[in-house]
C-alpha cells in the first residue's frame, strides 16, 4: 500500500524475532487497511486550502437586500434629475448692445432698399 510508512531500519541488522514481529505488524496494517477500504474511508480528505478562495462569494439575503436598496436609491436619484430638466436661463442683451444691433439692421435694410431689392 502507498500510504504505509516506510520502514526506516536496516533489515539486515534485525534478529529473526524482530523480523517476525515486523512481518506480523505489516500483515496487521494491510488487514486494517483492507477493512478501511471496505468502509470507503480509503479516500484521503481534501487538502486544506491555501491562499485565496476560488469562485464567487456568497452573500446573505440581508446583504443582497441592502445592496439592492442602495442601488434603487441611486437610480431614483438619476431619474429625478432627468425628469426635472433645468430651466434654461434667458440670455439678456444690454440696452446699448440692442441699440447697436438695431442700427446695424437699419443700415443693412437701407442698403438693400437703395439697391432696389425687396429682400436680402
N, C-alpha and C. Protein backbone atom coordinates (compact mmCIF):
# COMPACT_ATOMS: atom_id res chain seq x y z
N UNK A 1 0.84 -1.18 0.00
CA UNK A 1 0.00 0.00 0.00
C UNK A 1 0.88 1.23 0.00
N UNK A 2 0.44 2.29 -0.68
CA UNK A 2 1.23 3.51 -0.78
C UNK A 2 1.20 4.34 0.48
N UNK A 3 0.16 4.21 1.29
CA UNK A 3 0.03 5.04 2.47
C UNK A 3 0.78 4.50 3.68
N UNK A 4 1.34 3.29 3.58
CA UNK A 4 2.03 2.69 4.71
C UNK A 4 3.37 3.38 4.91
N UNK A 5 3.77 3.56 6.18
CA UNK A 5 5.06 4.21 6.42
C UNK A 5 6.20 3.31 5.99
N UNK A 6 7.24 3.93 5.57
CA UNK A 6 8.41 3.20 5.09
C UNK A 6 9.23 2.76 6.30
N UNK A 7 9.67 1.53 6.28
CA UNK A 7 10.48 1.01 7.38
C UNK A 7 11.86 1.63 7.30
N UNK A 8 12.21 2.41 8.33
CA UNK A 8 13.44 3.19 8.29
C UNK A 8 14.66 2.37 8.77
N UNK A 9 14.40 1.27 9.40
CA UNK A 9 15.50 0.48 9.96
C UNK A 9 16.09 -0.42 8.88
N UNK A 10 17.37 -0.62 8.95
CA UNK A 10 18.03 -1.54 8.02
C UNK A 10 17.65 -2.97 8.42
N UNK A 11 17.00 -3.70 7.52
CA UNK A 11 16.51 -5.04 7.84
C UNK A 11 17.64 -6.05 8.06
N UNK A 12 18.83 -5.75 7.60
CA UNK A 12 19.95 -6.69 7.75
C UNK A 12 20.44 -6.77 9.20
N UNK A 13 20.17 -5.72 9.98
CA UNK A 13 20.67 -5.69 11.35
C UNK A 13 19.67 -6.24 12.36
N UNK A 14 18.51 -6.75 11.91
CA UNK A 14 17.48 -7.24 12.82
C UNK A 14 17.65 -8.73 13.09
N UNK A 15 17.19 -9.14 14.26
CA UNK A 15 17.22 -10.56 14.59
C UNK A 15 16.01 -11.23 13.97
N UNK A 16 15.98 -12.56 14.01
CA UNK A 16 14.87 -13.32 13.43
C UNK A 16 13.57 -12.97 14.15
N UNK A 17 13.60 -12.82 15.46
CA UNK A 17 12.40 -12.50 16.23
C UNK A 17 11.88 -11.11 15.85
N UNK A 18 12.81 -10.18 15.66
CA UNK A 18 12.40 -8.83 15.26
C UNK A 18 11.79 -8.83 13.86
N UNK A 19 12.36 -9.61 12.95
CA UNK A 19 11.83 -9.71 11.58
C UNK A 19 10.42 -10.29 11.59
N UNK A 20 10.19 -11.36 12.44
CA UNK A 20 8.85 -11.93 12.54
C UNK A 20 7.85 -10.90 13.04
N UNK A 21 8.28 -10.09 14.02
CA UNK A 21 7.39 -9.06 14.56
C UNK A 21 7.07 -8.01 13.50
N UNK A 22 8.06 -7.62 12.68
CA UNK A 22 7.86 -6.65 11.59
C UNK A 22 6.85 -7.20 10.59
N UNK A 23 7.01 -8.48 10.23
CA UNK A 23 6.09 -9.10 9.26
C UNK A 23 4.68 -9.15 9.84
N UNK A 24 4.55 -9.48 11.11
CA UNK A 24 3.22 -9.57 11.74
C UNK A 24 2.56 -8.18 11.77
N UNK A 25 3.34 -7.16 12.10
CA UNK A 25 2.78 -5.79 12.13
C UNK A 25 2.36 -5.37 10.73
N UNK A 26 3.19 -5.68 9.74
CA UNK A 26 2.87 -5.32 8.35
C UNK A 26 1.59 -6.01 7.89
N UNK A 27 1.44 -7.29 8.21
CA UNK A 27 0.22 -8.01 7.85
C UNK A 27 -1.00 -7.40 8.55
N UNK A 28 -0.83 -7.02 9.81
CA UNK A 28 -1.94 -6.41 10.55
C UNK A 28 -2.31 -5.07 9.92
N UNK A 29 -1.31 -4.28 9.50
CA UNK A 29 -1.58 -2.99 8.86
C UNK A 29 -2.34 -3.19 7.54
N UNK A 30 -1.94 -4.18 6.77
CA UNK A 30 -2.62 -4.45 5.50
C UNK A 30 -4.06 -4.90 5.72
N UNK A 31 -4.28 -5.73 6.77
CA UNK A 31 -5.63 -6.18 7.07
C UNK A 31 -6.51 -4.99 7.46
N UNK A 32 -5.98 -4.11 8.33
CA UNK A 32 -6.74 -2.94 8.76
C UNK A 32 -7.01 -1.98 7.58
N UNK A 33 -6.04 -1.85 6.70
CA UNK A 33 -6.23 -1.00 5.52
C UNK A 33 -7.34 -1.56 4.63
N UNK A 34 -7.40 -2.89 4.53
CA UNK A 34 -8.47 -3.53 3.76
C UNK A 34 -9.83 -3.27 4.37
N UNK A 35 -9.92 -3.32 5.71
CA UNK A 35 -11.18 -3.04 6.37
C UNK A 35 -11.61 -1.58 6.15
N UNK A 36 -10.64 -0.68 6.22
CA UNK A 36 -10.96 0.73 5.95
C UNK A 36 -11.47 0.92 4.53
N UNK A 37 -10.85 0.26 3.59
CA UNK A 37 -11.27 0.37 2.19
C UNK A 37 -12.69 -0.14 2.02
N UNK A 38 -13.08 -1.14 2.80
CA UNK A 38 -14.44 -1.67 2.70
C UNK A 38 -15.47 -0.63 3.16
N UNK A 39 -15.09 0.21 4.07
CA UNK A 39 -15.99 1.27 4.54
C UNK A 39 -15.97 2.49 3.61
N UNK A 40 -15.08 2.52 2.66
CA UNK A 40 -15.00 3.67 1.77
C UNK A 40 -14.18 4.80 2.38
N UNK A 41 -13.45 4.50 3.44
CA UNK A 41 -12.65 5.53 4.10
C UNK A 41 -11.25 5.61 3.52
N UNK A 42 -11.02 4.87 2.45
CA UNK A 42 -9.69 4.86 1.84
C UNK A 42 -9.35 6.21 1.22
N UNK A 43 -10.40 6.93 0.78
CA UNK A 43 -10.16 8.23 0.14
C UNK A 43 -9.57 9.19 1.15
N UNK A 44 -8.56 9.89 0.71
CA UNK A 44 -7.92 10.85 1.61
C UNK A 44 -8.78 12.11 1.68
N UNK A 45 -8.79 12.78 2.82
CA UNK A 45 -9.58 14.01 2.92
C UNK A 45 -9.01 15.09 2.01
N UNK A 46 -9.85 16.03 1.65
CA UNK A 46 -9.42 17.11 0.76
C UNK A 46 -8.33 17.92 1.44
N UNK A 47 -7.32 18.30 0.70
CA UNK A 47 -6.24 19.08 1.31
C UNK A 47 -6.76 20.45 1.74
N UNK A 48 -6.14 20.99 2.77
CA UNK A 48 -6.56 22.30 3.27
C UNK A 48 -6.26 23.35 2.21
N UNK A 49 -7.17 24.30 2.09
CA UNK A 49 -6.99 25.36 1.10
C UNK A 49 -5.93 26.34 1.57
N UNK A 50 -5.17 26.77 0.64
CA UNK A 50 -4.16 27.76 0.94
C UNK A 50 -4.37 28.97 0.05
N UNK A 51 -4.15 30.12 0.59
CA UNK A 51 -4.23 31.32 -0.23
C UNK A 51 -5.66 31.74 -0.49
N UNK A 52 -5.87 32.33 -1.63
CA UNK A 52 -7.15 32.94 -1.97
C UNK A 52 -8.18 31.91 -2.39
N UNK A 53 -9.43 32.14 -1.98
CA UNK A 53 -10.53 31.26 -2.36
C UNK A 53 -10.87 31.45 -3.82
N UNK A 54 -11.30 30.40 -4.44
CA UNK A 54 -11.75 30.49 -5.83
C UNK A 54 -13.27 30.59 -5.84
N UNK A 55 -13.81 31.11 -6.92
CA UNK A 55 -15.26 31.17 -7.05
C UNK A 55 -15.84 32.46 -6.50
N UNK A 56 -17.14 32.54 -6.53
CA UNK A 56 -17.84 33.75 -6.11
C UNK A 56 -18.17 33.69 -4.63
N UNK A 57 -18.17 34.87 -4.01
CA UNK A 57 -18.56 34.93 -2.61
C UNK A 57 -20.07 34.76 -2.51
N UNK A 58 -20.52 34.22 -1.42
CA UNK A 58 -21.95 34.07 -1.20
C UNK A 58 -22.39 35.14 -0.23
N UNK A 59 -23.40 35.90 -0.62
CA UNK A 59 -23.92 36.96 0.24
C UNK A 59 -25.20 36.48 0.91
N UNK A 60 -25.42 36.97 2.10
CA UNK A 60 -26.66 36.64 2.79
C UNK A 60 -27.81 37.39 2.12
N UNK A 61 -29.02 36.97 2.40
CA UNK A 61 -30.19 37.63 1.82
C UNK A 61 -30.28 39.07 2.31
N UNK A 62 -29.92 39.31 3.57
CA UNK A 62 -29.97 40.67 4.11
C UNK A 62 -28.96 41.57 3.41
N UNK A 63 -27.77 41.05 3.14
CA UNK A 63 -26.74 41.84 2.45
C UNK A 63 -27.19 42.17 1.03
N UNK A 64 -27.77 41.17 0.34
CA UNK A 64 -28.27 41.42 -1.02
C UNK A 64 -29.37 42.47 -1.00
N UNK A 65 -30.25 42.42 0.02
CA UNK A 65 -31.35 43.39 0.12
C UNK A 65 -30.79 44.80 0.34
N UNK A 66 -29.76 44.92 1.18
CA UNK A 66 -29.15 46.24 1.41
C UNK A 66 -28.53 46.79 0.14
N UNK A 67 -27.84 45.94 -0.59
CA UNK A 67 -27.20 46.37 -1.84
C UNK A 67 -28.26 46.78 -2.85
N UNK A 68 -29.33 45.99 -2.96
CA UNK A 68 -30.41 46.31 -3.91
C UNK A 68 -31.09 47.62 -3.54
N UNK A 69 -31.32 47.85 -2.26
CA UNK A 69 -31.97 49.09 -1.83
C UNK A 69 -31.08 50.29 -2.14
N UNK A 70 -29.78 50.17 -1.92
CA UNK A 70 -28.86 51.27 -2.22
C UNK A 70 -28.85 51.56 -3.72
N UNK A 71 -28.84 50.51 -4.54
CA UNK A 71 -28.85 50.73 -5.99
C UNK A 71 -30.17 51.35 -6.43
N UNK A 72 -31.27 50.94 -5.81
CA UNK A 72 -32.58 51.52 -6.12
C UNK A 72 -32.58 53.02 -5.82
N UNK A 73 -32.01 53.41 -4.67
CA UNK A 73 -31.94 54.84 -4.33
C UNK A 73 -31.09 55.60 -5.32
N UNK A 74 -29.98 55.00 -5.77
CA UNK A 74 -29.12 55.69 -6.75
C UNK A 74 -29.87 55.92 -8.06
N UNK A 75 -30.59 54.89 -8.54
CA UNK A 75 -31.32 55.05 -9.80
C UNK A 75 -32.48 56.04 -9.65
N UNK A 76 -33.13 56.05 -8.50
CA UNK A 76 -34.21 57.01 -8.27
C UNK A 76 -33.67 58.43 -8.34
N UNK A 77 -32.49 58.65 -7.80
CA UNK A 77 -31.88 59.98 -7.85
C UNK A 77 -31.58 60.37 -9.30
N UNK A 78 -31.08 59.43 -10.09
CA UNK A 78 -30.79 59.71 -11.50
C UNK A 78 -32.08 60.05 -12.24
N UNK A 79 -33.15 59.28 -11.97
CA UNK A 79 -34.43 59.53 -12.66
C UNK A 79 -35.02 60.88 -12.27
N UNK A 80 -34.89 61.24 -10.99
CA UNK A 80 -35.40 62.55 -10.56
C UNK A 80 -34.68 63.68 -11.28
N UNK A 81 -33.39 63.56 -11.42
CA UNK A 81 -32.63 64.60 -12.09
C UNK A 81 -32.97 64.67 -13.57
N UNK A 82 -33.24 63.53 -14.20
CA UNK A 82 -33.58 63.51 -15.62
C UNK A 82 -35.00 64.01 -15.85
N UNK A 83 -35.91 63.77 -14.90
CA UNK A 83 -37.31 64.16 -15.08
C UNK A 83 -37.50 65.66 -14.95
N UNK A 84 -36.70 66.32 -14.16
CA UNK A 84 -36.83 67.76 -13.96
C UNK A 84 -35.63 68.47 -14.58
N UNK A 85 -35.69 68.70 -15.92
CA UNK A 85 -34.55 69.37 -16.55
C UNK A 85 -34.44 70.81 -16.05
N UNK A 86 -33.25 71.30 -16.02
CA UNK A 86 -33.02 72.65 -15.55
C UNK A 86 -33.63 73.63 -16.56
N UNK A 87 -34.30 74.65 -16.04
CA UNK A 87 -34.88 75.68 -16.91
C UNK A 87 -33.73 76.49 -17.51
N UNK A 88 -33.80 76.65 -18.82
CA UNK A 88 -32.74 77.36 -19.48
C UNK A 88 -32.85 78.85 -19.15
N UNK A 89 -31.77 79.42 -18.76
CA UNK A 89 -31.77 80.84 -18.42
C UNK A 89 -31.84 81.67 -19.69
N UNK A 90 -32.70 82.67 -19.69
CA UNK A 90 -32.80 83.53 -20.87
C UNK A 90 -31.57 84.41 -20.95
N UNK A 91 -31.08 84.54 -22.15
CA UNK A 91 -29.94 85.42 -22.34
C UNK A 91 -30.44 86.83 -22.53
N UNK A 92 -29.88 87.73 -21.81
CA UNK A 92 -30.31 89.13 -21.90
C UNK A 92 -29.22 89.97 -22.55
N UNK A 93 -29.70 90.88 -23.37
CA UNK A 93 -28.77 91.78 -24.05
C UNK A 93 -28.96 93.17 -23.44
N UNK A 94 -27.84 93.83 -23.21
CA UNK A 94 -27.94 95.17 -22.61
C UNK A 94 -28.58 96.13 -23.61
N UNK A 95 -29.09 97.24 -23.10
CA UNK A 95 -29.76 98.25 -23.93
C UNK A 95 -28.80 98.82 -24.96
N UNK A 96 -27.56 99.03 -24.60
CA UNK A 96 -26.55 99.59 -25.52
C UNK A 96 -26.33 98.63 -26.68
N UNK A 97 -26.19 97.35 -26.38
CA UNK A 97 -25.96 96.36 -27.43
C UNK A 97 -27.18 96.26 -28.33
N UNK A 98 -28.40 96.28 -27.73
CA UNK A 98 -29.62 96.21 -28.53
C UNK A 98 -29.71 97.40 -29.49
N UNK A 99 -29.36 98.59 -29.03
CA UNK A 99 -29.40 99.79 -29.88
C UNK A 99 -28.39 99.66 -31.01
N UNK A 100 -27.19 99.13 -30.72
CA UNK A 100 -26.16 98.98 -31.76
C UNK A 100 -26.62 97.98 -32.83
N UNK A 101 -27.23 96.83 -32.38
CA UNK A 101 -27.72 95.84 -33.34
C UNK A 101 -28.85 96.42 -34.20
N UNK A 102 -29.73 97.20 -33.60
CA UNK A 102 -30.82 97.83 -34.36
C UNK A 102 -30.27 98.78 -35.41
N UNK A 103 -29.23 99.55 -35.06
CA UNK A 103 -28.62 100.48 -36.01
C UNK A 103 -27.99 99.73 -37.17
N UNK A 104 -27.34 98.60 -36.89
CA UNK A 104 -26.71 97.80 -37.94
C UNK A 104 -27.80 97.24 -38.86
N UNK A 105 -28.92 96.79 -38.30
CA UNK A 105 -30.01 96.23 -39.11
C UNK A 105 -30.63 97.32 -39.99
N UNK A 106 -30.83 98.53 -39.43
CA UNK A 106 -31.41 99.63 -40.23
C UNK A 106 -30.48 99.99 -41.39
N UNK A 107 -29.18 100.00 -41.14
CA UNK A 107 -28.23 100.34 -42.20
C UNK A 107 -28.26 99.28 -43.30
N UNK A 108 -28.36 97.98 -42.89
CA UNK A 108 -28.41 96.90 -43.87
C UNK A 108 -29.64 97.03 -44.75
N UNK A 109 -30.82 97.28 -44.14
CA UNK A 109 -32.06 97.42 -44.90
C UNK A 109 -32.03 98.67 -45.79
N UNK A 110 -31.37 99.70 -45.35
CA UNK A 110 -31.25 100.91 -46.18
C UNK A 110 -30.45 100.60 -47.43
N UNK A 111 -29.37 99.80 -47.31
CA UNK A 111 -28.57 99.43 -48.47
C UNK A 111 -29.38 98.57 -49.43
N UNK A 112 -30.18 97.61 -48.87
CA UNK A 112 -31.00 96.73 -49.70
C UNK A 112 -32.04 97.54 -50.48
N UNK A 113 -32.72 98.48 -49.80
CA UNK A 113 -33.75 99.29 -50.47
C UNK A 113 -33.14 100.22 -51.50
N UNK A 114 -31.94 100.71 -51.21
CA UNK A 114 -31.25 101.60 -52.16
C UNK A 114 -30.88 100.83 -53.41
N UNK A 115 -30.65 99.52 -53.28
CA UNK A 115 -30.30 98.70 -54.44
C UNK A 115 -31.55 98.28 -55.19
N UNK A 116 -32.73 98.58 -54.65
CA UNK A 116 -33.98 98.27 -55.34
C UNK A 116 -34.45 96.84 -55.14
N UNK A 117 -33.96 96.15 -54.10
CA UNK A 117 -34.37 94.79 -53.85
C UNK A 117 -35.46 94.76 -52.78
N UNK A 118 -36.27 93.72 -52.79
CA UNK A 118 -37.32 93.58 -51.82
C UNK A 118 -36.92 92.65 -50.68
N UNK A 119 -35.80 91.90 -50.85
CA UNK A 119 -35.34 91.00 -49.78
C UNK A 119 -33.81 91.00 -49.76
N UNK A 120 -33.29 90.46 -48.68
CA UNK A 120 -31.83 90.41 -48.53
C UNK A 120 -31.30 89.39 -49.50
